[in-house]
Each structure stands twice: as structure tokens, then as C-alpha cells.
Protein backbone atom coordinates (compact mmCIF):
# COMPACT_ATOMS: atom_id res chain seq x y z
CA MET A 1 -38.69 47.32 26.41
CA THR A 2 -40.79 48.15 23.22
CA PRO A 3 -44.31 47.85 22.69
CA ASP A 4 -44.08 45.14 20.58
CA THR A 5 -41.75 43.09 22.82
CA PHE A 6 -44.60 44.23 25.30
CA ARG A 7 -47.17 42.41 23.33
CA ALA A 8 -45.12 39.29 22.67
CA GLN A 9 -44.99 38.86 26.27
CA LEU A 10 -48.72 39.40 26.82
CA ALA A 11 -49.70 37.33 23.69
CA GLU A 12 -47.57 34.52 25.42
CA PHE A 13 -49.56 34.99 28.86
CA THR A 14 -53.17 35.28 26.99
CA ALA A 15 -52.47 32.04 25.45
CA LEU A 16 -52.79 30.45 29.28
CA LEU A 17 -56.21 32.39 29.65
CA ALA A 18 -57.48 30.69 26.29
CA GLY A 19 -61.08 29.08 27.09
CA ARG A 20 -60.82 30.03 30.67
CA PRO A 21 -63.92 31.46 32.53
CA LEU A 22 -63.58 34.49 34.01
CA ASP A 23 -64.45 34.02 37.44
CA ALA A 24 -63.04 33.54 40.93
CA GLY A 25 -61.12 30.10 40.06
CA LEU A 26 -59.29 31.94 37.59
CA ALA A 27 -58.34 34.64 39.99
CA THR A 28 -57.02 31.62 42.40
CA TRP A 29 -55.42 30.18 39.71
CA LEU A 30 -53.53 33.15 38.40
CA ASN A 31 -52.63 34.12 42.19
CA HIS A 32 -51.34 30.46 42.56
CA HIS A 33 -49.30 30.23 39.36
CA HIS A 34 -48.48 33.76 38.05
CA GLY A 35 -49.25 35.63 41.70
CA ALA A 36 -46.98 38.84 42.97
CA SER A 37 -43.84 36.51 43.99
CA SER A 38 -43.68 35.00 40.55
CA ALA A 39 -41.51 35.47 37.70
CA THR A 40 -44.64 36.54 35.47
CA TYR A 41 -45.97 39.15 37.75
CA ALA A 42 -42.08 40.40 37.85
CA ALA A 43 -41.90 40.40 33.92
CA LEU A 44 -45.11 41.93 33.57
CA LYS A 45 -44.57 44.34 36.15
CA ALA A 46 -41.05 45.63 34.66
CA GLY A 47 -42.83 45.96 30.81
CA CYS A 48 -45.63 48.08 32.52
CA GLU A 49 -43.07 50.05 34.44
CA ALA A 50 -40.71 50.32 31.61
CA GLY A 51 -43.34 51.31 29.51
CA VAL A 52 -45.07 54.18 31.60
CA ALA A 53 -41.28 55.67 32.19
CA GLN A 54 -41.03 55.22 28.26
CA GLY A 55 -44.31 57.50 27.67
CA TRP A 56 -45.78 54.47 25.43
CA LEU A 57 -48.03 53.24 28.65
CA CYS A 58 -50.56 55.89 30.37
CA HIS A 59 -49.77 58.51 27.84
CA ARG A 60 -53.26 60.12 28.35
CA GLU A 61 -54.70 61.82 31.89
CA GLY A 62 -58.21 62.73 32.92
CA GLY A 63 -59.50 63.29 36.18
CA GLY A 64 -56.06 62.63 38.06
CA ILE A 65 -56.18 59.20 36.33
CA ARG A 66 -53.03 58.33 33.87
CA TYR A 67 -54.30 56.11 31.20
CA GLY A 68 -54.46 54.49 27.88
CA ARG A 69 -54.95 51.55 25.63
CA ILE A 70 -51.71 50.00 24.40
CA PHE A 71 -53.76 47.02 22.12
CA LYS A 72 -56.94 46.64 20.63
CA PRO A 73 -59.17 43.02 21.13
CA ALA A 74 -56.50 40.88 18.79
CA ASP A 75 -56.58 36.82 17.67
CA ASP A 76 -52.39 37.30 18.93
CA LEU A 77 -53.90 38.28 22.37
CA GLN A 78 -56.48 35.92 22.60
CA GLY A 79 -59.35 38.60 22.06
CA PHE A 80 -58.25 40.55 25.02
CA SER A 81 -57.87 44.26 24.70
CA VAL A 82 -54.71 45.99 26.76
CA ASP A 83 -55.01 48.79 28.95
CA VAL A 84 -52.60 50.03 31.77
CA VAL A 85 -53.69 52.85 34.17
CA ASP A 86 -51.69 54.52 36.97
CA MET A 87 -53.45 55.60 39.83
CA GLN A 88 -52.97 57.04 43.46
CA ASP A 89 -55.42 57.17 45.84
CA ILE A 90 -58.27 57.67 43.35
CA ALA A 91 -61.82 56.11 42.20
CA GLY A 92 -62.30 56.08 38.89
CA PRO A 93 -65.36 56.27 36.54
CA HIS A 94 -68.29 53.62 37.13
CA HIS A 95 -68.30 51.06 34.58
CA THR A 96 -69.55 47.55 33.71
CA HIS A 97 -67.57 44.52 31.91
CA PRO A 98 -69.89 42.88 29.67
CA HIS A 99 -67.54 40.09 29.32
CA GLY A 100 -65.58 40.04 32.44
CA GLU A 101 -62.28 42.08 33.33
CA ILE A 102 -59.00 40.34 34.53
CA ASP A 103 -56.78 43.04 36.51
CA LEU A 104 -52.93 42.82 37.20
CA VAL A 105 -52.49 45.17 40.88
CA MET A 106 -48.94 46.34 40.62
CA PRO A 107 -48.01 48.71 43.82
CA GLN A 108 -45.60 51.17 43.12
CA GLY A 109 -43.68 51.27 46.18
CA GLY A 110 -45.79 51.22 49.49
CA ASP A 111 -48.92 48.74 50.03
CA ALA A 112 -51.22 50.27 47.40
CA HIS A 113 -54.67 48.15 46.96
CA PHE A 114 -57.06 48.01 44.06
CA ASP A 115 -60.50 47.66 44.88
CA GLY A 116 -59.16 46.08 48.26
CA HIS A 117 -56.88 43.86 46.74
CA PRO A 118 -53.29 43.84 47.54
CA ALA A 119 -50.57 43.30 44.63
CA GLY A 120 -51.76 40.43 42.15
CA TRP A 121 -54.72 39.16 40.04
CA VAL A 122 -58.35 40.47 40.39
CA VAL A 123 -61.07 38.90 37.94
CA MET A 124 -64.27 40.32 37.35
CA PRO A 125 -66.88 38.23 35.99
CA PRO A 126 -69.23 39.05 33.10
CA GLY A 127 -71.89 41.47 33.97
CA SER A 128 -70.08 42.86 36.85
CA ALA A 129 -69.67 46.83 37.32
CA HIS A 130 -67.49 48.93 40.02
CA ARG A 131 -65.98 52.18 40.66
CA PRO A 132 -62.33 50.87 40.32
CA THR A 133 -60.37 52.52 43.23
CA VAL A 134 -56.38 52.40 44.16
CA SER A 135 -56.03 53.12 47.71
CA GLN A 136 -53.24 53.35 50.16
CA GLY A 137 -50.75 54.88 47.28
CA ARG A 138 -50.08 54.29 43.95
CA ALA A 139 -50.43 51.04 41.82
CA LEU A 140 -50.33 50.44 38.17
CA VAL A 141 -53.28 48.21 37.13
CA LEU A 142 -53.29 46.41 33.84
CA TYR A 143 -56.57 45.40 32.03
CA LEU A 144 -57.49 42.63 30.14
CA LEU A 145 -60.66 42.87 28.72
CA PRO A 146 -62.31 40.39 26.46
CA GLN A 147 -63.54 41.98 23.03
CA GLY A 148 -62.34 44.76 24.38
CA ALA A 149 -66.23 45.24 25.96
CA ILE A 150 -66.17 48.05 28.70
CA GLU A 151 -69.53 50.29 29.80
CA PHE A 152 -69.09 53.61 31.09
CA THR A 153 -71.99 54.48 33.38
CA ALA A 154 -73.63 57.69 32.33
């Protein structure tokens, strides 16, 4: 796995998201068609794990969280930016999602949850806010942010 092959994988996936509203319906659709038991989930999880192992994902660390934006918003990614975080039993900084956020929760051994959600997809609608929290273990979380928009609370 390389950053370029990971990007191609994500571009193919984000093409499926084009024009869809970021809402509960999208979360249901994602978990039904691309959920934790799907080939899509397995491929994206393998790509994230390889990137972390190879050092080009989650290459920064702060406050006990490893993180990194691997791709800025781009046309081939349907305007999404791509971030991946590596968290274990910790809450991250509070922030809002001006345009929403799509998260892929990938437990790393055990049954880690992200904001109370198990392995799979979480969709936060535009204007939502949270303090991202991983509990019950360690998880990688892939974030897709429309236009890369995120606003951290002071």
C-alpha cells in the first residue's frame, strides 16, 4: 500500500458519496452496503492499517492521539479531505462540522467504540459538534470532511 494506491481506493469510494446528503439515511446506507462485514470495509481498514504501519498515516501526535490529514479536499475525492486518527480510550478536542463529517470506525483488537458506535460508519450532519471519544480499546477512525471544514472549539 502506498499513499497513491490509498488515494485511488478512496477516490473510487467517495464517488459513491457524490451528491448524497450527510444524514442518518447515509449512515444507514453505508452500514448496509459497506459496513463492517463488507469487502469495502475490509479494504479500507487494511489500507489504513498499512499506512499506519508504514508511517505515512497518523504521523503526528498530540494529547495522546496520533493523527494526520493525508489528503486535502480535491475533485477526485468529491471535495472531501481525508484524515485518520489512532485513539485509545481517550476523548479528543471538541469541534464542529460546518458541512458534516463521515467517519469509518475500525477497532484494533477488541470492541472499541467511537462516540458509542461500534465498527462501521458514523455520519455527522452539517452543523453538528462533538468531542470525539474512543472507548473500550483502540480504534483507527477515518474522517471524510466536505471541503476539509472543521472548527475546533477554543
